Amino acid sequence: MKKNKIIDKLDELTLEADMLVEILYNSLKQQEAEQKTTSACYLLEIIGRKFRKIRALF
């Protein structure tokens, strides 16, 4: 696979992962008060920041 195709695919996958993390984070945030999901939200926030850093490279 050519470098450009690999970079494009990596960009696409990180975008999808970042969007999924954001959706999951928002969903957990809504349930946080009821079910004590604070630690999960914290971890998702860290994961989301990592994906945004990766995406910033593109």
PDB file of N, CA and C in Angstrom:
ATOM      1  N   MET A   1       0.850  -1.174   0.000  1.00  0.00           N
ATOM      2  CA  MET A   1       0.000   0.000   0.000  1.00  0.00           C
ATOM      3  C   MET A   1       0.901   1.244   0.000  1.00  0.00           C
ATOM      4  N   LYS A   2       0.540   2.209  -0.796  1.00  0.00           N
ATOM      5  CA  LYS A   2       1.327   3.433  -0.868  1.00  0.00           C
ATOM      6  C   LYS A   2       1.176   4.249   0.407  1.00  0.00           C
ATOM      7  N   LYS A   3       2.217   5.063   0.685  1.00  0.00           N
ATOM      8  CA  LYS A   3       2.210   5.878   1.898  1.00  0.00           C
ATOM      9  C   LYS A   3       0.999   6.793   1.972  1.00  0.00           C
ATOM     10  N   ASN A   4       0.624   7.415   0.864  1.00  0.00           N
ATOM     11  CA  ASN A   4      -0.524   8.327   0.861  1.00  0.00           C
ATOM     12  C   ASN A   4      -1.813   7.599   1.220  1.00  0.00           C
ATOM     13  N   LYS A   5      -1.981   6.392   0.701  1.00  0.00           N
ATOM     14  CA  LYS A   5      -3.184   5.616   1.011  1.00  0.00           C
ATOM     15  C   LYS A   5      -3.203   5.213   2.482  1.00  0.00           C
ATOM     16  N   ILE A   6      -2.043   4.857   3.012  1.00  0.00           N
ATOM     17  CA  ILE A   6      -1.949   4.481   4.423  1.00  0.00           C
ATOM     18  C   ILE A   6      -2.283   5.679   5.301  1.00  0.00           C
ATOM     19  N   ILE A   7      -1.742   6.827   4.964  1.00  0.00           N
ATOM     20  CA  ILE A   7      -2.008   8.046   5.738  1.00  0.00           C
ATOM     21  C   ILE A   7      -3.481   8.417   5.651  1.00  0.00           C
ATOM     22  N   ASP A   8      -4.067   8.327   4.461  1.00  0.00           N
ATOM     23  CA  ASP A   8      -5.493   8.633   4.305  1.00  0.00           C
ATOM     24  C   ASP A   8      -6.359   7.676   5.120  1.00  0.00           C
ATOM     25  N   LYS A   9      -6.007   6.397   5.106  1.00  0.00           N
ATOM     26  CA  LYS A   9      -6.768   5.400   5.867  1.00  0.00           C
ATOM     27  C   LYS A   9      -6.624   5.654   7.363  1.00  0.00           C
ATOM     28  N   LEU A  10      -5.413   5.955   7.812  1.00  0.00           N
ATOM     29  CA  LEU A  10      -5.189   6.262   9.225  1.00  0.00           C
ATOM     30  C   LEU A  10      -5.982   7.497   9.643  1.00  0.00           C
ATOM     31  N   ASP A  11      -6.000   8.493   8.798  1.00  0.00           N
ATOM     32  CA  ASP A  11      -6.777   9.707   9.060  1.00  0.00           C
ATOM     33  C   ASP A  11      -8.260   9.377   9.179  1.00  0.00           C
ATOM     34  N   GLU A  12      -8.757   8.562   8.277  1.00  0.00           N
ATOM     35  CA  GLU A  12     -10.177   8.168   8.289  1.00  0.00           C
ATOM     36  C   GLU A  12     -10.517   7.386   9.561  1.00  0.00           C
ATOM     37  N   LEU A  13      -9.664   6.436   9.929  1.00  0.00           N
ATOM     38  CA  LEU A  13      -9.922   5.611  11.109  1.00  0.00           C
ATOM     39  C   LEU A  13      -9.856   6.421  12.401  1.00  0.00           C
ATOM     40  N   THR A  14      -8.902   7.340  12.492  1.00  0.00           N
ATOM     41  CA  THR A  14      -8.827   8.150  13.708  1.00  0.00           C
ATOM     42  C   THR A  14     -10.003   9.107  13.803  1.00  0.00           C
ATOM     43  N   LEU A  15     -10.482   9.604  12.673  1.00  0.00           N
ATOM     44  CA  LEU A  15     -11.671  10.455  12.690  1.00  0.00           C
ATOM     45  C   LEU A  15     -12.872   9.667  13.192  1.00  0.00           C
ATOM     46  N   GLU A  16     -13.066   8.462  12.677  1.00  0.00           N
ATOM     47  CA  GLU A  16     -14.178   7.625  13.110  1.00  0.00           C
ATOM     48  C   GLU A  16     -14.063   7.292  14.597  1.00  0.00           C
ATOM     49  N   ALA A  17     -12.874   6.928  15.036  1.00  0.00           N
ATOM     50  CA  ALA A  17     -12.671   6.599  16.446  1.00  0.00           C
ATOM     51  C   ALA A  17     -12.934   7.808  17.328  1.00  0.00           C
ATOM     52  N   ASP A  18     -12.476   8.967  16.908  1.00  0.00           N
ATOM     53  CA  ASP A  18     -12.694  10.194  17.671  1.00  0.00           C
ATOM     54  C   ASP A  18     -14.186  10.502  17.782  1.00  0.00           C
ATOM     55  N   MET A  19     -14.921  10.329  16.708  1.00  0.00           N
ATOM     56  CA  MET A  19     -16.363  10.572  16.740  1.00  0.00           C
ATOM     57  C   MET A  19     -17.060   9.579  17.666  1.00  0.00           C
ATOM     58  N   LEU A  20     -16.658   8.313  17.621  1.00  0.00           N
ATOM     59  CA  LEU A  20     -17.266   7.298  18.478  1.00  0.00           C
ATOM     60  C   LEU A  20     -16.976   7.568  19.953  1.00  0.00           C
ATOM     61  N   VAL A  21     -15.754   7.988  20.246  1.00  0.00           N
ATOM     62  CA  VAL A  21     -15.401   8.341  21.623  1.00  0.00           C
ATOM     63  C   VAL A  21     -16.265   9.505  22.098  1.00  0.00           C
ATOM     64  N   GLU A  22     -16.453  10.500  21.244  1.00  0.00           N
ATOM     65  CA  GLU A  22     -17.258  11.667  21.612  1.00  0.00           C
ATOM     66  C   GLU A  22     -18.708  11.275  21.893  1.00  0.00           C
ATOM     67  N   ILE A  23     -19.264  10.406  21.062  1.00  0.00           N
ATOM     68  CA  ILE A  23     -20.638   9.937  21.267  1.00  0.00           C
ATOM     69  C   ILE A  23     -20.749   9.164  22.578  1.00  0.00           C
ATOM     70  N   LEU A  24     -19.813   8.262  22.810  1.00  0.00           N
ATOM     71  CA  LEU A  24     -19.832   7.475  24.037  1.00  0.00           C
ATOM     72  C   LEU A  24     -19.637   8.365  25.260  1.00  0.00           C
ATOM     73  N   TYR A  25     -18.738   9.330  25.170  1.00  0.00           N
ATOM     74  CA  TYR A  25     -18.495  10.263  26.271  1.00  0.00           C
ATOM     75  C   TYR A  25     -19.767  11.039  26.607  1.00  0.00           C
ATOM     76  N   ASN A  26     -20.426  11.567  25.596  1.00  0.00           N
ATOM     77  CA  ASN A  26     -21.657  12.332  25.826  1.00  0.00           C
ATOM     78  C   ASN A  26     -22.752  11.458  26.447  1.00  0.00           C
ATOM     79  N   SER A  27     -22.839  10.223  25.996  1.00  0.00           N
ATOM     80  CA  SER A  27     -23.828   9.303  26.538  1.00  0.00           C
ATOM     81  C   SER A  27     -23.545   9.001  28.009  1.00  0.00           C
ATOM     82  N   LEU A  28     -22.287   8.733  28.326  1.00  0.00           N
ATOM     83  CA  LEU A  28     -21.929   8.440  29.712  1.00  0.00           C
ATOM     84  C   LEU A  28     -22.079   9.662  30.601  1.00  0.00           C
ATOM     85  N   LYS A  29     -21.796  10.820  30.064  1.00  0.00           N
ATOM     86  CA  LYS A  29     -21.913  12.052  30.843  1.00  0.00           C
ATOM     87  C   LYS A  29     -23.354  12.267  31.299  1.00  0.00           C
ATOM     88  N   GLN A  30     -24.308  11.915  30.443  1.00  0.00           N
ATOM     89  CA  GLN A  30     -25.722  12.056  30.786  1.00  0.00           C
ATOM     90  C   GLN A  30     -26.121  11.110  31.918  1.00  0.00           C
ATOM     91  N   GLN A  31     -25.475   9.958  31.984  1.00  0.00           N
ATOM     92  CA  GLN A  31     -25.822   8.963  32.995  1.00  0.00           C
ATOM     93  C   GLN A  31     -24.932   9.049  34.236  1.00  0.00           C
ATOM     94  N   GLU A  32     -23.976   9.943  34.206  1.00  0.00           N
ATOM     95  CA  GLU A  32     -22.960  10.019  35.258  1.00  0.00           C
ATOM     96  C   GLU A  32     -23.559  10.137  36.659  1.00  0.00           C
ATOM     97  N   ALA A  33     -24.497  11.012  36.842  1.00  0.00           N
ATOM     98  CA  ALA A  33     -25.067  11.232  38.174  1.00  0.00           C
ATOM     99  C   ALA A  33     -25.807  10.002  38.686  1.00  0.00           C
ATOM    100  N   GLU A  34     -26.431   9.282  37.792  1.00  0.00           N
ATOM    101  CA  GLU A  34     -27.236   8.135  38.195  1.00  0.00           C
ATOM    102  C   GLU A  34     -26.400   6.886  38.480  1.00  0.00           C
ATOM    103  N   GLN A  35     -25.376   6.654  37.673  1.00  0.00           N
ATOM    104  CA  GLN A  35     -24.700   5.352  37.737  1.00  0.00           C
ATOM    105  C   GLN A  35     -23.218   5.424  38.101  1.00  0.00           C
ATOM    106  N   LYS A  36     -22.724   6.574  38.507  1.00  0.00           N
ATOM    107  CA  LYS A  36     -21.321   6.707  38.921  1.00  0.00           C
ATOM    108  C   LYS A  36     -20.347   6.295  37.823  1.00  0.00           C
ATOM    109  N   THR A  37     -20.507   6.855  36.638  1.00  0.00           N
ATOM    110  CA  THR A  37     -19.639   6.525  35.504  1.00  0.00           C
ATOM    111  C   THR A  37     -18.509   7.542  35.352  1.00  0.00           C
ATOM    112  N   THR A  38     -18.162   8.248  36.414  1.00  0.00           N
ATOM    113  CA  THR A  38     -17.152   9.298  36.344  1.00  0.00           C
ATOM    114  C   THR A  38     -15.812   8.780  35.833  1.00  0.00           C
ATOM    115  N   SER A  39     -15.353   7.639  36.321  1.00  0.00           N
ATOM    116  CA  SER A  39     -14.054   7.121  35.896  1.00  0.00           C
ATOM    117  C   SER A  39     -14.061   6.768  34.413  1.00  0.00           C
ATOM    118  N   ALA A  40     -15.164   6.219  33.916  1.00  0.00           N
ATOM    119  CA  ALA A  40     -15.263   5.897  32.495  1.00  0.00           C
ATOM    120  C   ALA A  40     -15.231   7.179  31.662  1.00  0.00           C
ATOM    121  N   CYS A  41     -15.922   8.210  32.111  1.00  0.00           N
ATOM    122  CA  CYS A  41     -15.911   9.488  31.399  1.00  0.00           C
ATOM    123  C   CYS A  41     -14.505  10.073  31.367  1.00  0.00           C
ATOM    124  N   TYR A  42     -13.805   9.965  32.474  1.00  0.00           N
ATOM    125  CA  TYR A  42     -12.437  10.481  32.554  1.00  0.00           C
ATOM    126  C   TYR A  42     -11.533   9.761  31.551  1.00  0.00           C
ATOM    127  N   LEU A  43     -11.635   8.440  31.500  1.00  0.00           N
ATOM    128  CA  LEU A  43     -10.817   7.672  30.559  1.00  0.00           C
ATOM    129  C   LEU A  43     -11.174   8.000  29.112  1.00  0.00           C
ATOM    130  N   LEU A  44     -12.455   8.148  28.834  1.00  0.00           N
ATOM    131  CA  LEU A  44     -12.874   8.504  27.482  1.00  0.00           C
ATOM    132  C   LEU A  44     -12.363   9.889  27.092  1.00  0.00           C
ATOM    133  N   GLU A  45     -12.329  10.787  28.039  1.00  0.00           N
ATOM    134  CA  GLU A  45     -11.808  12.127  27.769  1.00  0.00           C
ATOM    135  C   GLU A  45     -10.326  12.051  27.396  1.00  0.00           C
ATOM    136  N   ILE A  46      -9.572  11.225  28.094  1.00  0.00           N
ATOM    137  CA  ILE A  46      -8.146  11.048  27.779  1.00  0.00           C
ATOM    138  C   ILE A  46      -7.979  10.434  26.396  1.00  0.00           C
ATOM    139  N   ILE A  47      -8.760   9.405  26.106  1.00  0.00           N
ATOM    140  CA  ILE A  47      -8.682   8.757  24.792  1.00  0.00           C
ATOM    141  C   ILE A  47      -9.034   9.750  23.692  1.00  0.00           C
ATOM    142  N   GLY A  48     -10.082  10.525  23.912  1.00  0.00           N
ATOM    143  CA  GLY A  48     -10.481  11.527  22.927  1.00  0.00           C
ATOM    144  C   GLY A  48      -9.389  12.547  22.666  1.00  0.00           C
ATOM    145  N   ARG A  49      -8.703  12.993  23.722  1.00  0.00           N
ATOM    146  CA  ARG A  49      -7.596  13.951  23.547  1.00  0.00           C
ATOM    147  C   ARG A  49      -6.474  13.344  22.730  1.00  0.00           C
ATOM    148  N   LYS A  50      -6.183  12.072  22.963  1.00  0.00           N
ATOM    149  CA  LYS A  50      -5.126  11.393  22.200  1.00  0.00           C
ATOM    150  C   LYS A  50      -5.487  11.337  20.716  1.00  0.00           C
ATOM    151  N   PHE A  51      -6.741  10.999  20.416  1.00  0.00           N
ATOM    152  CA  PHE A  51      -7.154  10.945  19.017  1.00  0.00           C
ATOM    153  C   PHE A  51      -7.113  12.329  18.373  1.00  0.00           C
ATOM    154  N   ARG A  52      -7.482  13.363  19.110  1.00  0.00           N
ATOM    155  CA  ARG A  52      -7.410  14.714  18.556  1.00  0.00           C
ATOM    156  C   ARG A  52      -5.968  15.113  18.273  1.00  0.00           C
ATOM    157  N   LYS A  53      -5.037  14.673  19.124  1.00  0.00           N
ATOM    158  CA  LYS A  53      -3.615  14.953  18.885  1.00  0.00           C
ATOM    159  C   LYS A  53      -3.133  14.241  17.620  1.00  0.00           C
ATOM    160  N   ILE A  54      -3.578  12.984  17.459  1.00  0.00           N
ATOM    161  CA  ILE A  54      -3.214  12.228  16.254  1.00  0.00           C
ATOM    162  C   ILE A  54      -3.783  12.915  15.030  1.00  0.00           C
ATOM    163  N   ARG A  55      -5.060  13.322  15.102  1.00  0.00           N
ATOM    164  CA  ARG A  55      -5.706  13.969  13.958  1.00  0.00           C
ATOM    165  C   ARG A  55      -5.050  15.305  13.628  1.00  0.00           C
ATOM    166  N   ALA A  56      -4.514  15.989  14.611  1.00  0.00           N
ATOM    167  CA  ALA A  56      -3.865  17.280  14.374  1.00  0.00           C
ATOM    168  C   ALA A  56      -2.618  17.118  13.497  1.00  0.00           C
ATOM    169  N   LEU A  57      -2.079  15.914  13.459  1.00  0.00           N
ATOM    170  CA  LEU A  57      -0.913  15.667  12.605  1.00  0.00           C
ATOM    171  C   LEU A  57      -1.266  15.703  11.123  1.00  0.00           C
ATOM    172  N   PHE A  58      -2.521  15.506  10.807  1.00  0.00           N
ATOM    173  CA  PHE A  58      -2.950  15.501   9.406  1.00  0.00           C
ATOM    174  C   PHE A  58      -3.354  16.868   9.042  1.00  0.00           C
TER     175      PHE A  58
END
